[in-house]
Amino acid sequence: MKKTIDFLAGVPIQRHSFGFLGLSLVFAAGIFFGCASAPKNPPPAWAADAQSVYPWDKYITGQGNGATVRDAEENATAEISLYFVRETTVERSRHASWTEQDGVSASQSTTDESVLVKSYTNLVAVQFADDPWYNPAAKTWKTLAYINREQAWAAYEPNAKRQADTFMNLVKAADKETEPFNAVLRYGAAVAYARGPEFNTVRDFSQVLNPAQANGLFAETDAALAALLDKQLGAQQKSIIAIQCPVDYNMMIYQSMVKALGASGFAVDSSGNAATICAIQVEEGLLKNDTGTFYTPSLTASFSGSSGAMFSFRVTTDRVGAINADVAKSRAYTALANALEGAFAGELQRRQSALIN
């Protein structure tokens, strides 16, 4: 060490010169104390940038905080579930034409799909980072939950394939149907299935879970879905129906059947030469007594085609009457016509369901 003497106001002052080695020691000490002030428990890389550790094309991730590691894991899992709910909603908006648009049904359908999404999330393996981090400043644990897309798809694929196969079987059965009337109903069954919450949710969940695999699995399904409404319309155009109603009153029953068929997309051939026949047999249930004329009317509507009988249904009404016979008859046929028009859509739905099963 080099020693020097300086004087200040006549008083000798001793200075020390450390030279290069001395300066190095001072610098090293500064580094030492600087390191000592750095965090002893730095956050892991995923906390700052999850994709740097779990790239998005291979993983779905969610982060969570909690008083314990378990709490943090539950919150991270909930974040993944929320992600699926949010993204499947986005997917659903891409095919909004296939969802119910009547307010209440749309709300219920969305609710059902959200419930299904959460249940499907439980079907795939959610894993957690090996290095949960304790944040001393916040006094909470932080962790990352992740789903390996390929591993999850292997577990979820059977469910997705089951939905795709069920839909395609409905479409193929309709394609093979020789009776136009039944073809309309079969295509309608496929449409109803495609609009259902389960099929929609599985399709959307698959797309969010693994887009590449989902696109491959549902390629045929998506193509069939795009052509489905046109196929149903084509079948309806071929399904011209002739109505036979030998017992009627002012053509009330005939006109009611025309309206009911038209509301369901069917055209009526007034010449009676169509391949599909709707034969309506009315039973008036007439009763006369001293108090007036009474009817307990009912009817049976039977549909048949080139291959024979297809389906039939019965409609009944309450007893109606009046002192005047003409008034009583008019009331009876009006009630029966209204009942027929109101019942047809439900009977058609039952026939459609029977064809599915």
Protein backbone atom coordinates (compact mmCIF):
# COMPACT_ATOMS: atom_id res chain seq x y z
CA MET A 1 0.00 0.00 0.00
CA LYS A 2 1.34 3.38 -0.99
CA LYS A 3 1.25 5.97 1.73
CA THR A 4 1.15 9.75 1.01
CA ILE A 5 1.15 12.76 3.31
CA ASP A 6 -0.81 15.93 2.54
CA PHE A 7 -1.16 19.09 4.66
CA LEU A 8 -4.33 20.99 5.25
CA ALA A 9 -3.99 24.24 7.20
CA GLY A 10 -0.65 23.03 8.44
CA VAL A 11 -2.04 19.75 9.77
CA PRO A 12 -0.62 16.64 8.17
CA ILE A 13 -3.20 14.35 6.59
CA GLN A 14 -2.38 10.72 5.81
CA ARG A 15 -3.89 9.20 2.64
CA HIS A 16 -3.88 5.59 1.45
CA SER A 17 -3.69 4.66 -2.19
CA PHE A 18 -5.06 1.16 -2.88
CA GLY A 19 -3.92 0.77 -6.44
CA PHE A 20 -5.54 -1.66 -8.91
CA LEU A 21 -5.87 -4.58 -6.49
CA GLY A 22 -7.55 -2.42 -3.90
CA LEU A 23 -10.10 -1.11 -6.39
CA SER A 24 -10.89 -4.66 -7.46
CA LEU A 25 -11.61 -5.64 -3.92
CA VAL A 26 -13.95 -2.69 -3.48
CA PHE A 27 -15.79 -3.56 -6.75
CA ALA A 28 -16.16 -7.18 -5.72
CA ALA A 29 -17.57 -6.12 -2.38
CA GLY A 30 -20.11 -3.96 -4.20
CA ILE A 31 -21.21 -6.93 -6.28
CA PHE A 32 -21.47 -9.07 -3.21
CA PHE A 33 -23.71 -6.62 -1.39
CA GLY A 34 -25.73 -6.04 -4.58
CA CYS A 35 -26.39 -9.78 -4.91
CA ALA A 36 -27.35 -10.02 -1.32
CA SER A 37 -30.16 -7.51 -1.92
CA ALA A 38 -31.60 -9.45 -4.94
CA PRO A 39 -34.74 -11.59 -4.36
CA LYS A 40 -33.93 -14.96 -2.88
CA ASN A 41 -37.02 -16.52 -4.52
CA PRO A 42 -37.39 -15.06 -8.03
CA PRO A 43 -40.58 -15.90 -9.97
CA PRO A 44 -40.26 -18.72 -12.52
CA ALA A 45 -40.13 -17.95 -16.22
CA TRP A 46 -43.76 -18.97 -16.82
CA ALA A 47 -45.00 -16.30 -14.41
CA ALA A 48 -43.74 -13.56 -16.72
CA ASP A 49 -44.30 -15.30 -20.06
CA ALA A 50 -46.22 -18.56 -20.02
CA GLN A 51 -45.68 -19.22 -23.72
CA SER A 52 -41.92 -19.19 -23.29
CA VAL A 53 -42.29 -22.42 -21.31
CA TYR A 54 -45.67 -23.70 -22.52
CA PRO A 55 -46.08 -22.64 -26.17
CA TRP A 56 -49.69 -21.99 -27.16
CA ASP A 57 -49.75 -24.40 -30.08
CA LYS A 58 -49.01 -27.27 -27.69
CA TYR A 59 -50.57 -26.18 -24.40
CA ILE A 60 -53.57 -24.42 -22.94
CA THR A 61 -52.63 -22.62 -19.74
CA GLY A 62 -54.16 -20.75 -16.85
CA GLN A 63 -52.56 -19.09 -13.84
CA GLY A 64 -53.93 -18.83 -10.34
CA ASN A 65 -53.08 -17.36 -6.95
CA GLY A 66 -54.05 -18.59 -3.50
CA ALA A 67 -53.19 -18.75 0.15
CA THR A 68 -51.96 -22.32 -0.41
CA VAL A 69 -50.60 -24.21 -3.38
CA ARG A 70 -53.87 -26.13 -3.53
CA ASP A 71 -55.88 -22.92 -3.65
CA ALA A 72 -53.65 -21.62 -6.43
CA GLU A 73 -54.12 -24.86 -8.38
CA GLU A 74 -57.90 -24.66 -8.07
CA ASN A 75 -57.92 -21.08 -9.28
CA ALA A 76 -55.61 -21.90 -12.18
CA THR A 77 -57.89 -24.78 -13.18
CA ALA A 78 -60.90 -22.47 -12.99
CA GLU A 79 -59.07 -20.09 -15.34
CA ILE A 80 -58.71 -22.88 -17.90
CA SER A 81 -62.38 -23.75 -17.56
CA LEU A 82 -63.28 -20.09 -18.06
CA TYR A 83 -61.08 -20.03 -21.14
CA PHE A 84 -63.00 -22.94 -22.67
CA VAL A 85 -66.36 -21.33 -21.88
CA ARG A 86 -65.24 -18.07 -23.44
CA GLU A 87 -63.68 -19.60 -26.55
CA THR A 88 -66.52 -22.03 -27.22
CA THR A 89 -68.86 -19.04 -27.11
CA VAL A 90 -66.74 -17.46 -29.83
CA GLU A 91 -66.91 -20.69 -31.83
CA ARG A 92 -70.67 -20.83 -31.36
CA SER A 93 -71.06 -17.36 -32.86
CA ARG A 94 -69.46 -18.62 -36.07
CA HIS A 95 -72.41 -20.92 -36.70
CA ALA A 96 -75.15 -18.84 -35.12
CA SER A 97 -77.60 -19.96 -37.79
CA TRP A 98 -77.61 -23.38 -36.16
CA THR A 99 -78.59 -22.12 -32.73
CA GLU A 100 -82.03 -21.31 -31.38
CA GLN A 101 -83.02 -17.70 -31.86
CA ASP A 102 -86.19 -17.42 -29.81
CA GLY A 103 -84.78 -15.82 -26.67
CA VAL A 104 -85.68 -18.25 -23.93
CA SER A 105 -84.53 -21.31 -25.86
CA ALA A 106 -81.36 -19.54 -26.89
CA SER A 107 -80.62 -18.63 -23.28
CA GLN A 108 -81.31 -22.17 -22.08
CA SER A 109 -79.20 -23.64 -24.89
CA THR A 110 -76.27 -21.38 -23.97
CA THR A 111 -76.62 -22.36 -20.32
CA ASP A 112 -76.68 -26.06 -21.18
CA GLU A 113 -73.61 -25.70 -23.34
CA SER A 114 -71.69 -23.86 -20.61
CA VAL A 115 -72.47 -26.67 -18.17
CA LEU A 116 -71.30 -29.24 -20.72
CA VAL A 117 -68.09 -27.30 -21.39
CA LYS A 118 -67.20 -27.37 -17.70
CA SER A 119 -67.88 -31.10 -17.52
CA TYR A 120 -65.78 -31.76 -20.63
CA THR A 121 -62.91 -29.79 -19.12
CA ASN A 122 -62.86 -32.35 -16.32
CA LEU A 123 -62.43 -35.13 -18.88
CA VAL A 124 -59.03 -33.92 -20.03
CA ALA A 125 -55.90 -34.08 -17.91
CA VAL A 126 -55.06 -30.78 -16.22
CA GLN A 127 -51.48 -30.69 -14.95
CA PHE A 128 -49.54 -28.14 -12.92
CA ALA A 129 -46.12 -26.55 -13.12
CA ASP A 130 -43.45 -28.29 -11.05
CA ASP A 131 -42.32 -24.99 -9.56
CA PRO A 132 -45.18 -23.14 -7.85
CA TRP A 133 -43.97 -19.77 -6.64
CA TYR A 134 -44.47 -18.12 -3.28
CA ASN A 135 -44.74 -14.36 -3.61
CA PRO A 136 -43.46 -12.93 -0.31
CA ALA A 137 -44.74 -9.44 -1.10
CA ALA A 138 -48.33 -10.62 -1.64
CA LYS A 139 -47.94 -13.58 0.72
CA THR A 140 -49.66 -15.86 -1.78
CA TRP A 141 -48.77 -18.84 -3.90
CA LYS A 142 -48.89 -18.67 -7.68
CA THR A 143 -48.99 -21.63 -10.03
CA LEU A 144 -49.74 -22.51 -13.62
CA ALA A 145 -52.20 -25.16 -14.79
CA TYR A 146 -51.81 -26.55 -18.28
CA ILE A 147 -53.34 -29.00 -20.71
CA ASN A 148 -51.18 -30.77 -23.22
CA ARG A 149 -53.27 -30.52 -26.38
CA GLU A 150 -52.14 -33.82 -27.91
CA GLN A 151 -52.52 -35.80 -24.71
CA ALA A 152 -55.92 -34.24 -24.02
CA TRP A 153 -57.12 -34.97 -27.55
CA ALA A 154 -56.24 -38.64 -27.16
CA ALA A 155 -58.54 -38.75 -24.12
CA TYR A 156 -61.32 -36.65 -25.64
CA GLU A 157 -61.33 -38.00 -29.20
CA PRO A 158 -63.73 -40.94 -28.53
CA ASN A 159 -66.41 -38.52 -27.35
CA ALA A 160 -65.88 -36.26 -30.36
CA LYS A 161 -65.95 -39.21 -32.75
CA ARG A 162 -69.17 -40.53 -31.21
CA GLN A 163 -70.92 -37.22 -31.84
CA ALA A 164 -69.60 -36.94 -35.39
CA ASP A 165 -70.62 -40.53 -36.21
CA THR A 166 -74.12 -40.11 -34.75
CA PHE A 167 -74.75 -37.03 -36.85
CA MET A 168 -73.37 -38.60 -40.02
CA ASN A 169 -75.52 -41.71 -39.52
CA LEU A 170 -78.61 -39.49 -39.41
CA VAL A 171 -77.61 -37.71 -42.61
CA LYS A 172 -76.77 -40.94 -44.43
CA ALA A 173 -80.10 -42.49 -43.41
CA ALA A 174 -81.88 -39.47 -44.85
CA ASP A 175 -79.83 -39.67 -48.05
CA LYS A 176 -80.94 -43.29 -48.53
CA GLU A 177 -84.63 -42.68 -47.77
CA THR A 178 -86.85 -43.40 -50.78
CA GLU A 179 -89.99 -41.73 -49.42
CA PRO A 180 -89.66 -37.92 -49.78
CA PHE A 181 -91.92 -37.35 -46.78
CA ASN A 182 -89.77 -39.55 -44.55
CA ALA A 183 -86.62 -37.99 -46.02
CA VAL A 184 -87.81 -34.58 -44.85
CA LEU A 185 -88.29 -35.93 -41.36
CA ARG A 186 -84.91 -37.69 -41.36
CA TYR A 187 -83.13 -34.55 -42.51
CA GLY A 188 -85.10 -32.70 -39.86
CA ALA A 189 -83.79 -35.14 -37.27
CA ALA A 190 -80.23 -34.42 -38.40
CA VAL A 191 -80.90 -30.68 -38.23
CA ALA A 192 -82.35 -31.03 -34.73
CA TYR A 193 -79.34 -33.05 -33.62
CA ALA A 194 -76.93 -30.51 -35.09
CA ARG A 195 -78.75 -27.73 -33.24
CA GLY A 196 -78.66 -29.61 -29.95
CA PRO A 197 -76.40 -28.42 -27.12
CA GLU A 198 -74.41 -31.65 -26.91
CA PHE A 199 -73.33 -31.83 -30.54
CA ASN A 200 -72.60 -28.09 -30.66
CA THR A 201 -70.60 -28.16 -27.45
CA VAL A 202 -68.52 -31.17 -28.47
CA ARG A 203 -67.77 -29.63 -31.85
CA ASP A 204 -66.80 -26.28 -30.35
CA PHE A 205 -64.87 -27.80 -27.44
CA SER A 206 -62.91 -29.97 -29.87
CA GLN A 207 -62.01 -26.95 -31.96
CA VAL A 208 -60.73 -25.06 -28.94
CA LEU A 209 -58.91 -28.07 -27.52
CA ASN A 210 -57.01 -29.08 -30.65
CA PRO A 211 -57.93 -27.21 -33.86
CA ALA A 212 -55.86 -29.37 -36.21
CA GLN A 213 -57.25 -32.66 -34.92
CA ALA A 214 -60.81 -31.30 -34.73
CA ASN A 215 -60.73 -30.05 -38.31
CA GLY A 216 -59.62 -33.48 -39.48
CA LEU A 217 -62.16 -35.44 -37.48
CA PHE A 218 -65.12 -33.19 -38.32
CA ALA A 219 -64.24 -32.50 -41.96
CA GLU A 220 -67.00 -34.76 -43.32
CA THR A 221 -69.40 -33.60 -40.63
CA ASP A 222 -68.86 -29.92 -41.38
CA ALA A 223 -69.39 -30.50 -45.10
CA ALA A 224 -72.60 -32.43 -44.44
CA LEU A 225 -73.80 -29.74 -42.07
CA ALA A 226 -73.25 -27.02 -44.66
CA ALA A 227 -75.40 -28.91 -47.19
CA LEU A 228 -78.06 -30.13 -44.78
CA LEU A 229 -80.66 -27.37 -45.07
CA ASP A 230 -80.52 -27.49 -48.87
CA LYS A 231 -81.06 -31.25 -48.76
CA GLN A 232 -84.03 -30.87 -46.47
CA LEU A 233 -85.51 -28.19 -48.72
CA GLY A 234 -85.01 -30.42 -51.76
CA ALA A 235 -86.82 -33.28 -50.04
CA GLN A 236 -89.68 -30.96 -49.11
CA GLN A 237 -90.06 -29.86 -52.72
CA LYS A 238 -90.43 -33.51 -53.73
CA SER A 239 -92.83 -34.32 -50.91
CA ILE A 240 -96.12 -33.10 -52.39
CA ILE A 241 -99.08 -34.32 -50.34
CA ALA A 242 -102.66 -35.00 -51.38
CA ILE A 243 -105.31 -34.70 -48.66
CA GLN A 244 -108.33 -36.96 -48.62
CA CYS A 245 -111.06 -35.98 -46.18
CA PRO A 246 -114.45 -37.45 -47.17
CA VAL A 247 -116.25 -36.28 -44.00
CA ASP A 248 -115.89 -32.52 -43.48
CA TYR A 249 -117.87 -29.36 -42.87
CA ASN A 250 -117.25 -26.32 -45.09
CA MET A 251 -113.78 -27.80 -45.75
CA MET A 252 -112.68 -26.82 -42.25
CA ILE A 253 -110.62 -29.97 -41.62
CA TYR A 254 -109.12 -29.90 -45.11
CA GLN A 255 -108.02 -26.27 -44.78
CA SER A 256 -106.64 -26.90 -41.30
CA MET A 257 -104.50 -29.75 -42.63
CA VAL A 258 -103.29 -27.54 -45.50
CA LYS A 259 -102.20 -24.89 -42.97
CA ALA A 260 -100.52 -27.43 -40.72
CA LEU A 261 -98.59 -28.98 -43.59
CA GLY A 262 -97.58 -25.58 -44.94
CA ALA A 263 -96.29 -24.47 -41.54
CA SER A 264 -94.02 -27.53 -41.56
CA GLY A 265 -92.77 -26.85 -45.08
CA PHE A 266 -94.95 -29.25 -47.07
CA ALA A 267 -96.93 -28.40 -50.20
CA VAL A 268 -100.37 -29.79 -50.97
CA ASP A 269 -101.55 -31.11 -54.35
CA SER A 270 -105.22 -30.31 -54.71
CA SER A 271 -105.60 -32.74 -57.64
CA GLY A 272 -105.13 -35.70 -55.32
CA ASN A 273 -102.51 -37.34 -57.56
CA ALA A 274 -99.48 -36.91 -55.28
CA ALA A 275 -97.37 -39.89 -54.26
CA THR A 276 -97.89 -39.09 -50.59
CA ILE A 277 -101.46 -39.31 -49.30
CA CYS A 278 -102.86 -37.89 -46.09
CA ALA A 279 -106.17 -39.63 -45.44
CA ILE A 280 -108.31 -38.07 -42.70
CA GLN A 281 -111.17 -39.97 -41.16
CA VAL A 282 -113.52 -37.83 -39.06
CA GLU A 283 -115.76 -39.25 -36.36
CA GLU A 284 -118.35 -36.70 -35.37
CA GLY A 285 -119.57 -38.32 -32.17
CA LEU A 286 -123.04 -36.89 -32.75
CA LEU A 287 -125.62 -36.99 -29.97
CA LYS A 288 -129.07 -35.37 -30.06
CA ASN A 289 -131.47 -35.02 -27.17
CA ASP A 290 -134.17 -32.71 -25.90
CA THR A 291 -131.65 -30.10 -24.76
CA GLY A 292 -129.86 -29.74 -28.09
CA THR A 293 -127.33 -31.22 -30.50
CA PHE A 294 -123.92 -32.33 -29.20
CA TYR A 295 -120.66 -33.54 -30.77
CA THR A 296 -117.58 -35.20 -29.36
CA PRO A 297 -115.50 -35.02 -32.55
CA SER A 298 -112.23 -36.80 -33.29
CA LEU A 299 -110.16 -37.70 -36.34
CA THR A 300 -107.41 -40.01 -37.46
CA ALA A 301 -104.86 -38.77 -40.00
CA SER A 302 -102.85 -41.44 -41.83
CA PHE A 303 -99.88 -40.79 -44.12
CA SER A 304 -98.87 -43.29 -46.78
CA GLY A 305 -96.52 -43.33 -49.74
CA SER A 306 -95.33 -45.56 -52.55
CA SER A 307 -93.94 -48.03 -50.04
CA GLY A 308 -97.11 -48.15 -47.91
CA ALA A 309 -98.23 -46.67 -44.61
CA MET A 310 -95.78 -44.32 -42.88
CA PHE A 311 -97.49 -42.98 -39.77
CA SER A 312 -100.80 -41.92 -38.31
CA PHE A 313 -102.08 -39.98 -35.35
CA ARG A 314 -105.37 -39.22 -33.64
CA VAL A 315 -106.85 -35.89 -32.53
CA THR A 316 -109.78 -35.50 -30.13
CA THR A 317 -111.66 -32.55 -28.63
CA ASP A 318 -114.02 -31.94 -25.77
CA ARG A 319 -117.76 -32.24 -26.17
CA VAL A 320 -119.41 -29.18 -27.74
CA GLY A 321 -123.00 -28.44 -28.64
CA ALA A 322 -125.83 -25.97 -29.06
CA ILE A 323 -129.60 -25.84 -29.28
CA ASN A 324 -129.31 -25.08 -32.99
CA ALA A 325 -127.99 -28.10 -34.92
CA ASP A 326 -126.04 -26.04 -37.47
CA VAL A 327 -124.37 -23.99 -34.76
CA ALA A 328 -123.44 -27.14 -32.88
CA LYS A 329 -121.88 -28.70 -35.99
CA SER A 330 -119.96 -25.54 -36.83
CA ARG A 331 -118.61 -25.38 -33.28
CA ALA A 332 -117.60 -29.04 -33.38
CA TYR A 333 -115.70 -28.80 -36.65
CA THR A 334 -114.10 -25.50 -35.65
CA ALA A 335 -112.80 -27.09 -32.44
CA LEU A 336 -111.56 -30.17 -34.28
CA ALA A 337 -109.86 -28.12 -37.01
CA ASN A 338 -108.06 -25.99 -34.39
CA ALA A 339 -106.98 -29.09 -32.50
CA LEU A 340 -105.61 -30.66 -35.69
CA GLU A 341 -103.63 -27.58 -36.63
CA GLY A 342 -102.20 -27.30 -33.13
CA ALA A 343 -101.33 -30.99 -32.81
CA PHE A 344 -99.65 -31.65 -36.14
CA ALA A 345 -96.22 -30.18 -35.37
CA GLY A 346 -95.93 -32.30 -32.22
CA GLU A 347 -97.06 -35.45 -34.04
CA LEU A 348 -94.52 -34.75 -36.75
CA GLN A 349 -91.83 -34.38 -34.10
CA ARG A 350 -92.77 -37.73 -32.58
CA ARG A 351 -92.57 -39.38 -36.00
CA GLN A 352 -89.18 -37.80 -36.54
CA SER A 353 -87.91 -39.09 -33.19
CA ALA A 354 -89.20 -42.57 -34.03
CA LEU A 355 -87.20 -42.54 -37.25
CA ILE A 356 -84.05 -41.65 -35.30
CA ASN A 357 -84.52 -44.52 -32.89
